[in-house]
């Protein structure tokens, strides 16, 4: 078990945050939570109608994401878009040791995933706004980017290898 690790699996919708997060959870023996479950209903309704969230919509949700991590001193993994540096900073304000596993891929791949996934509130039409909002991890942020063109198990294995390499530094 990887005790004390606080990991955010980040990326735009359709990048596989939940799938990869659950696989990392299994490999590290840490609890996983889908950050979408922490959205207030008003945010879900807004996105379901095809409207992107504003920063003001996101702040309380991002604080809940950080709270969920901070409430787990034994460690935990949460899926959260965390698209902007300011959003990641908001999470780190509550969970300062959070590391970010950015799952990312080609636009066409992500769009096709969004179009074919059943029962998710986020329509594919919002991918453009998410891609426009996305700010890559800065050099001073603890995290790494993983290509989701690979199978989810490979992405998770690569992420766990990276996490383990960071632990030994």
Protein backbone atom coordinates (compact mmCIF):
# COMPACT_ATOMS: atom_id res chain seq x y z
CA UNK A 1 0.00 0.00 0.00
CA UNK A 2 1.23 3.48 -0.94
CA UNK A 3 0.46 5.25 2.31
CA UNK A 4 -0.02 9.00 2.39
CA UNK A 5 -0.17 9.58 -1.37
CA UNK A 6 -2.74 12.09 -2.60
CA UNK A 7 -3.22 11.69 -6.33
CA UNK A 8 -5.45 13.63 -8.73
CA UNK A 9 -6.06 11.91 -12.06
CA UNK A 10 -6.74 14.93 -14.25
CA UNK A 11 -7.76 15.62 -17.82
CA UNK A 12 -10.60 16.67 -20.05
CA UNK A 13 -13.81 14.71 -20.22
CA UNK A 14 -13.41 11.45 -22.11
CA UNK A 15 -9.74 11.04 -21.22
CA UNK A 16 -10.37 8.01 -19.02
CA UNK A 17 -9.82 9.57 -15.60
CA UNK A 18 -12.22 7.16 -13.88
CA UNK A 19 -10.92 4.03 -15.58
CA UNK A 20 -7.26 4.90 -15.04
CA UNK A 21 -7.93 6.15 -11.51
CA UNK A 22 -9.60 2.89 -10.53
CA UNK A 23 -6.71 0.89 -11.99
CA UNK A 24 -4.14 2.99 -10.12
CA UNK A 25 -6.25 2.51 -6.99
CA UNK A 26 -6.07 -1.27 -7.37
CA UNK A 27 -2.32 -1.18 -7.95
CA UNK A 28 -1.53 1.10 -5.01
CA UNK A 29 -4.19 -0.13 -2.58
CA UNK A 30 -5.65 3.34 -2.10
CA UNK A 31 -9.31 4.40 -2.23
CA UNK A 32 -10.58 6.00 -5.44
CA UNK A 33 -13.33 8.59 -5.79
CA UNK A 34 -14.79 10.02 -8.97
CA UNK A 35 -14.72 13.78 -8.48
CA UNK A 36 -17.84 14.14 -10.64
CA UNK A 37 -19.76 12.67 -7.69
CA UNK A 38 -18.88 15.80 -5.69
CA UNK A 39 -20.45 18.25 -8.17
CA UNK A 40 -23.59 19.99 -6.92
CA UNK A 41 -26.68 19.16 -8.95
CA UNK A 42 -26.71 22.66 -10.44
CA UNK A 43 -23.31 22.00 -12.06
CA UNK A 44 -24.45 18.66 -13.44
CA UNK A 45 -27.64 20.23 -14.81
CA UNK A 46 -25.65 23.03 -16.45
CA UNK A 47 -23.21 20.63 -18.14
CA UNK A 48 -26.03 18.26 -19.15
CA UNK A 49 -27.60 21.17 -21.04
CA UNK A 50 -24.33 21.74 -22.90
CA UNK A 51 -23.21 24.81 -20.97
CA UNK A 52 -19.61 24.94 -19.72
CA UNK A 53 -19.02 25.69 -16.07
CA UNK A 54 -17.58 29.04 -15.01
CA UNK A 55 -14.77 29.40 -12.51
CA UNK A 56 -17.37 30.48 -9.96
CA UNK A 57 -19.26 27.21 -10.57
CA UNK A 58 -16.08 25.22 -10.05
CA UNK A 59 -14.57 26.78 -6.88
CA UNK A 60 -16.82 25.03 -4.31
CA UNK A 61 -16.45 21.72 -6.19
CA UNK A 62 -12.66 22.00 -6.32
CA UNK A 63 -12.58 22.66 -2.58
CA UNK A 64 -14.60 19.47 -2.05
CA UNK A 65 -12.06 17.59 -4.17
CA UNK A 66 -9.23 18.93 -2.00
CA UNK A 67 -11.20 18.19 1.17
CA UNK A 68 -11.74 14.58 0.09
CA UNK A 69 -7.98 14.13 -0.31
CA UNK A 70 -7.13 15.97 2.92
CA UNK A 71 -9.59 13.81 4.87
CA UNK A 72 -7.53 10.73 3.91
CA UNK A 73 -4.16 10.93 5.65
CA UNK A 74 -3.61 7.31 4.58
CA UNK A 75 -3.83 8.49 0.96
CA UNK A 76 -6.37 8.53 -1.83
CA UNK A 77 -6.92 8.99 -5.54
CA UNK A 78 -9.55 11.23 -7.08
CA UNK A 79 -10.55 11.88 -10.68
CA UNK A 80 -10.95 15.60 -11.38
CA UNK A 81 -10.57 17.59 -14.59
CA UNK A 82 -8.30 20.18 -12.84
CA UNK A 83 -7.98 21.93 -16.19
CA UNK A 84 -6.38 25.20 -15.08
CA UNK A 85 -3.37 25.92 -12.90
CA UNK A 86 -5.65 27.99 -10.64
CA UNK A 87 -7.92 24.93 -10.19
CA UNK A 88 -4.96 22.77 -9.23
CA UNK A 89 -3.80 25.51 -6.87
CA UNK A 90 -7.24 25.46 -5.24
CA UNK A 91 -6.93 21.70 -4.66
CA UNK A 92 -3.37 22.11 -3.34
CA UNK A 93 -4.55 24.83 -0.94
CA UNK A 94 -6.42 22.05 0.90
CA UNK A 95 -4.20 19.08 -0.04
CA UNK A 96 -0.73 20.60 -0.55
CA UNK A 97 1.01 17.31 -1.33
CA UNK A 98 -1.33 16.39 -4.20
CA UNK A 99 0.34 15.03 -7.32
CA UNK A 100 -1.30 15.15 -10.73
CA UNK A 101 -1.54 12.30 -13.22
CA UNK A 102 -2.63 14.04 -16.43
CA UNK A 103 -4.30 11.60 -18.81
CA UNK A 104 -4.39 13.22 -22.21
CA UNK A 105 -4.92 12.31 -25.84
CA UNK A 106 -5.70 13.34 -29.36
CA UNK A 107 -8.87 15.43 -29.81
CA UNK A 108 -10.49 12.95 -32.22
CA UNK A 109 -9.90 10.04 -29.85
CA UNK A 110 -11.35 11.95 -26.91
CA UNK A 111 -14.37 13.12 -28.94
CA UNK A 112 -15.13 9.60 -30.13
CA UNK A 113 -14.96 8.32 -26.56
CA UNK A 114 -17.36 11.00 -25.37
CA UNK A 115 -19.84 10.26 -28.17
CA UNK A 116 -19.98 6.56 -27.40
CA UNK A 117 -19.98 6.42 -23.59
CA UNK A 118 -23.36 5.61 -22.11
CA UNK A 119 -25.08 7.45 -19.29
CA UNK A 120 -22.65 10.33 -18.70
CA UNK A 121 -23.99 13.86 -18.18
CA UNK A 122 -21.18 15.55 -20.13
CA UNK A 123 -22.03 15.93 -23.84
CA UNK A 124 -19.28 15.68 -26.47
CA UNK A 125 -20.12 19.26 -27.48
CA UNK A 126 -18.30 20.50 -24.36
CA UNK A 127 -14.95 18.99 -25.36
CA UNK A 128 -14.03 22.14 -27.30
CA UNK A 129 -14.48 24.35 -24.22
CA UNK A 130 -12.56 21.89 -22.05
CA UNK A 131 -9.65 21.76 -24.51
CA UNK A 132 -9.64 25.57 -24.70
CA UNK A 133 -9.57 25.81 -20.89
CA UNK A 134 -6.87 23.15 -20.39
CA UNK A 135 -3.55 24.45 -19.10
CA UNK A 136 -0.74 21.92 -19.15
CA UNK A 137 1.10 21.17 -15.91
CA UNK A 138 3.80 23.74 -15.20
CA UNK A 139 7.36 22.64 -14.50
CA UNK A 140 6.95 23.52 -10.81
CA UNK A 141 3.85 21.30 -10.43
CA UNK A 142 4.35 17.74 -9.25
CA UNK A 143 2.84 15.60 -11.96
CA UNK A 144 3.27 13.92 -15.32
CA UNK A 145 1.33 13.47 -18.57
CA UNK A 146 0.30 10.03 -19.89
CA UNK A 147 -1.01 9.32 -23.40
CA UNK A 148 -4.44 7.67 -23.37
CA UNK A 149 -3.97 6.21 -26.85
CA UNK A 150 -2.42 3.31 -24.94
CA UNK A 151 -4.66 0.77 -23.18
CA UNK A 152 -5.87 1.94 -19.74
CA UNK A 153 -3.88 -0.79 -17.95
CA UNK A 154 -0.69 0.42 -19.63
CA UNK A 155 -1.47 4.04 -18.73
CA UNK A 156 -2.05 3.00 -15.11
CA UNK A 157 1.14 0.91 -15.02
CA UNK A 158 3.16 3.83 -16.41
CA UNK A 159 1.58 6.22 -13.91
CA UNK A 160 2.33 3.89 -10.99
CA UNK A 161 5.94 3.51 -12.19
CA UNK A 162 6.25 7.30 -12.30
CA UNK A 163 4.68 7.66 -8.83
CA UNK A 164 7.04 5.04 -7.40
CA UNK A 165 10.03 6.79 -8.99
CA UNK A 166 8.97 10.04 -7.30
CA UNK A 167 8.70 8.30 -3.94
CA UNK A 168 12.31 7.14 -4.14
CA UNK A 169 13.62 10.69 -4.83
